[in-house]
Amino acid sequence: MPSNFTPLRRHKMKSRFIVVLSLCFVLWGCSTSIQEYKENTPAFNLFEYFEGDVLAWGMVQDFNGKLTRRFDVKIRGVVKGDLLALKEDFTYDDGEKQQRIWKITRNKDGTYTGEADDVVGQATGVVAGNALNWQYSLRLPVDGSVYNIAFDDWMYRQDKTHVFNIAEMRKWGFGVGKVTLFFEKQGVVE
C-alpha cells in the first residue's frame, strides 16, 4: 500500500463508498417489480373486486409526510364484458366534493388501461398475485394553478373485502406527496 494511504484516509474512502452504495440503494434498490407479488394471495381480480359498491377512506400527505387532507369515497362499479365503469364520489374533510368516473378496459394480455376526465392520456395497470400497479398522470388543481402529477399507485388485496392503496406522487421526478387509501367492498358474504 502506498505510504500516503493512512488509516484515516482508508476510513474516509470507506465512508464515501458506504454513502455511494446507500445512494445507489435509494435510487435503484427501492423500486419494486409487480412480479414480486405473483405468488401472493388472494388473487386481485380488479373487475370482481370493484363490481358493485365499495367504500373507501384515505388521506393525502405532502412531501414531508404532513397530513394535508382526509377524505371518504363512495364507489360504484359496473362491469360489461371487458369494461369497468367506476364512479367515485369524494367528500373531503373541508366539505369539498369531487367526482371521478373511470372507464377501465381489461386488455387481452391481462393488463388494464384506464381513462378519466382528469387523467392525462391513459392509465396503465398490471396485476400479479394480490397486487395491482397503476401508472398515470393526474391534473391536480393547486392554489389556482393546475399541475400534471405522476402517480405510482399500488393496491394490495388483503381478503375478500379489504384492499390497501398507496400512491406516490411525483412532479419532474421529485416526490411531492403520498395518498393512502383503505377500501371495503360492500355486500360480501364471508
Protein backbone atom coordinates (compact mmCIF):
# COMPACT_ATOMS: atom_id res chain seq x y z
CA MET A 1 0.00 0.00 0.00
CA PRO A 2 1.33 3.49 -0.77
CA SER A 3 2.75 5.38 2.19
CA ASN A 4 0.18 8.16 1.88
CA PHE A 5 -2.62 5.58 2.37
CA THR A 6 -3.05 6.20 6.11
CA PRO A 7 -5.72 4.58 8.31
CA LEU A 8 -7.60 7.91 8.35
CA ARG A 9 -7.61 8.08 4.56
CA ARG A 10 -8.82 4.45 4.35
CA HIS A 11 -11.63 5.35 6.77
CA LYS A 12 -12.66 8.35 4.60
CA MET A 13 -12.66 6.20 1.44
CA LYS A 14 -14.71 3.53 3.20
CA SER A 15 -17.20 6.19 4.37
CA ARG A 16 -17.53 7.57 0.80
CA PHE A 17 -18.09 4.06 -0.53
CA ILE A 18 -20.88 3.48 2.02
CA VAL A 19 -22.51 6.80 1.07
CA VAL A 20 -22.35 5.96 -2.66
CA LEU A 21 -23.68 2.44 -2.02
CA SER A 22 -26.53 3.87 0.09
CA LEU A 23 -27.43 6.34 -2.66
CA CYS A 24 -27.49 3.50 -5.20
CA PHE A 25 -29.85 1.56 -2.94
CA VAL A 26 -32.13 4.55 -2.50
CA LEU A 27 -32.19 5.39 -6.20
CA TRP A 28 -32.42 1.88 -7.65
CA GLY A 29 -32.96 -0.64 -4.86
CA CYS A 30 -36.30 0.62 -3.61
CA SER A 31 -38.04 0.06 -6.88
CA THR A 32 -40.42 -2.91 -6.69
CA SER A 33 -41.44 -5.15 -9.54
CA ILE A 34 -45.07 -6.24 -9.75
CA GLN A 35 -43.81 -9.79 -10.37
CA GLU A 36 -42.56 -9.94 -6.77
CA TYR A 37 -46.23 -10.43 -5.78
CA LYS A 38 -47.21 -13.16 -8.26
CA GLU A 39 -47.39 -15.87 -5.56
CA ASN A 40 -49.34 -13.75 -3.05
CA THR A 41 -52.99 -14.49 -2.36
CA PRO A 42 -55.80 -13.76 -2.58
CA ALA A 43 -55.54 -13.00 -6.29
CA PHE A 44 -56.54 -9.44 -7.18
CA ASN A 45 -59.28 -9.58 -9.81
CA LEU A 46 -59.85 -5.87 -10.40
CA PHE A 47 -63.26 -6.26 -12.07
CA GLU A 48 -64.59 -8.72 -9.48
CA TYR A 49 -63.47 -6.56 -6.56
CA PHE A 50 -64.82 -3.24 -7.84
CA GLU A 51 -68.12 -4.51 -9.30
CA GLY A 52 -70.87 -3.23 -7.01
CA ASP A 53 -70.40 -0.92 -4.05
CA VAL A 54 -67.11 -0.16 -2.32
CA LEU A 55 -66.44 2.36 0.44
CA ALA A 56 -63.03 3.93 0.95
CA TRP A 57 -61.35 6.44 3.21
CA GLY A 58 -57.93 7.94 3.00
CA MET A 59 -55.51 10.80 3.39
CA VAL A 60 -53.12 12.96 1.41
CA GLN A 61 -49.66 13.76 2.76
CA ASP A 62 -47.21 16.32 1.41
CA PHE A 63 -43.54 15.61 0.57
CA ASN A 64 -42.61 15.96 4.27
CA GLY A 65 -45.23 13.41 5.35
CA LYS A 66 -47.52 16.07 6.81
CA LEU A 67 -51.23 15.20 6.61
CA THR A 68 -52.89 17.79 4.36
CA ARG A 69 -56.34 16.29 3.62
CA ARG A 70 -58.63 13.45 4.64
CA PHE A 71 -61.50 12.08 2.57
CA ASP A 72 -64.18 9.43 2.15
CA VAL A 73 -65.13 7.85 -1.19
CA LYS A 74 -68.29 6.07 -2.29
CA ILE A 75 -67.54 3.88 -5.29
CA ARG A 76 -69.93 2.13 -7.65
CA GLY A 77 -68.60 -0.24 -10.29
CA VAL A 78 -70.46 -1.70 -13.27
CA VAL A 79 -68.85 -4.41 -15.42
CA LYS A 80 -69.86 -5.04 -19.03
CA GLY A 81 -67.58 -7.58 -20.69
CA ASP A 82 -64.04 -6.18 -20.67
CA LEU A 83 -65.09 -2.70 -19.47
CA LEU A 84 -65.40 -1.49 -15.88
CA ALA A 85 -67.17 1.83 -15.31
CA LEU A 86 -66.14 3.11 -11.90
CA LYS A 87 -67.88 6.13 -10.35
CA GLU A 88 -66.00 7.63 -7.39
CA ASP A 89 -67.68 10.30 -5.22
CA PHE A 90 -65.15 12.01 -2.91
CA THR A 91 -66.03 14.04 0.19
CA TYR A 92 -63.08 15.86 1.77
CA ASP A 93 -62.75 16.91 5.41
CA ASP A 94 -63.15 20.57 4.40
CA GLY A 95 -66.52 19.80 2.72
CA GLU A 96 -65.26 19.84 -0.88
CA LYS A 97 -66.85 17.23 -3.13
CA GLN A 98 -65.36 15.73 -6.30
CA GLN A 99 -66.38 13.03 -8.71
CA ARG A 100 -64.17 10.92 -10.94
CA ILE A 101 -65.54 8.41 -13.44
CA TRP A 102 -63.09 5.81 -14.65
CA LYS A 103 -63.50 3.72 -17.78
CA ILE A 104 -61.17 0.75 -17.31
CA THR A 105 -60.52 -1.76 -20.08
CA ARG A 106 -59.21 -5.28 -19.49
CA ASN A 107 -56.77 -5.97 -22.32
CA LYS A 108 -56.20 -9.38 -23.93
CA ASP A 109 -52.67 -9.57 -22.46
CA GLY A 110 -54.04 -9.24 -18.90
CA THR A 111 -53.07 -5.59 -18.46
CA TYR A 112 -55.52 -2.73 -17.91
CA THR A 113 -55.91 0.73 -19.37
CA GLY A 114 -57.96 3.44 -17.75
CA GLU A 115 -59.31 6.85 -18.65
CA ALA A 116 -60.95 9.63 -16.65
CA ASP A 117 -61.55 13.34 -17.31
CA ASP A 118 -58.64 14.45 -15.10
CA VAL A 119 -56.21 11.72 -16.23
CA VAL A 120 -53.61 12.83 -18.79
CA GLY A 121 -53.69 10.25 -21.61
CA GLN A 122 -54.26 6.73 -20.27
CA ALA A 123 -53.51 4.98 -17.02
CA THR A 124 -51.81 1.61 -17.39
CA GLY A 125 -52.20 -1.20 -14.87
CA VAL A 126 -50.65 -4.59 -14.27
CA VAL A 127 -51.78 -7.27 -11.79
CA ALA A 128 -49.70 -10.05 -10.24
CA GLY A 129 -50.92 -12.13 -7.32
CA ASN A 130 -52.63 -9.86 -4.79
CA ALA A 131 -51.14 -6.61 -6.16
CA LEU A 132 -52.10 -4.07 -8.82
CA ASN A 133 -49.77 -1.31 -10.00
CA TRP A 134 -51.23 1.70 -11.86
CA GLN A 135 -49.10 4.33 -13.61
CA TYR A 136 -50.75 7.59 -14.68
CA SER A 137 -50.64 11.38 -14.57
CA LEU A 138 -53.45 13.34 -13.00
CA ARG A 139 -54.31 17.01 -13.49
CA LEU A 140 -54.47 18.44 -9.96
CA PRO A 141 -55.59 21.98 -9.12
CA VAL A 142 -53.35 23.67 -6.54
CA ASP A 143 -53.78 27.30 -5.45
CA GLY A 144 -55.40 28.42 -8.71
CA SER A 145 -52.99 26.52 -10.98
CA VAL A 146 -53.26 23.02 -12.47
CA TYR A 147 -50.32 20.62 -12.37
CA ASN A 148 -49.82 17.25 -14.06
CA ILE A 149 -48.72 14.94 -11.24
CA ALA A 150 -47.36 11.44 -11.96
CA PHE A 151 -48.82 8.66 -9.79
CA ASP A 152 -47.18 5.33 -8.98
CA ASP A 153 -50.26 3.69 -7.50
CA TRP A 154 -50.10 0.31 -5.69
CA MET A 155 -53.13 -1.67 -4.48
CA TYR A 156 -52.88 -4.80 -2.34
CA ARG A 157 -55.79 -7.20 -1.80
CA GLN A 158 -55.96 -8.27 1.84
CA ASP A 159 -59.01 -10.56 1.76
CA LYS A 160 -62.49 -10.74 0.17
CA THR A 161 -63.49 -7.28 1.38
CA HIS A 162 -60.33 -5.21 2.00
CA VAL A 163 -57.76 -3.53 -0.24
CA PHE A 164 -54.93 -1.20 0.80
CA ASN A 165 -53.69 1.51 -1.57
CA ILE A 166 -50.55 3.66 -1.51
CA ALA A 167 -49.87 6.12 -4.32
CA GLU A 168 -46.62 8.07 -4.58
CA MET A 169 -46.96 11.44 -6.34
CA ARG A 170 -44.12 12.97 -8.39
CA LYS A 171 -43.54 16.17 -10.35
CA TRP A 172 -40.42 16.50 -12.52
CA GLY A 173 -39.16 13.27 -10.92
CA PHE A 174 -39.35 14.60 -7.36
CA GLY A 175 -41.67 13.23 -4.69
CA VAL A 176 -44.41 15.74 -3.87
CA GLY A 177 -46.67 13.63 -1.71
CA LYS A 178 -48.48 10.41 -1.00
CA VAL A 179 -52.10 9.21 -0.98
CA THR A 180 -53.10 6.32 1.30
CA LEU A 181 -56.49 4.63 0.96
CA PHE A 182 -58.35 1.74 2.57
CA PHE A 183 -61.16 0.06 0.59
CA GLU A 184 -64.02 -2.09 1.90
CA LYS A 185 -66.26 -3.99 -0.53
CA GLN A 186 -69.90 -3.92 0.49
CA GLY A 187 -72.36 -6.81 0.43
CA VAL A 188 -69.78 -9.62 0.59
CA VAL A 189 -70.88 -12.73 2.45
CA GLU A 190 -67.96 -14.32 4.30
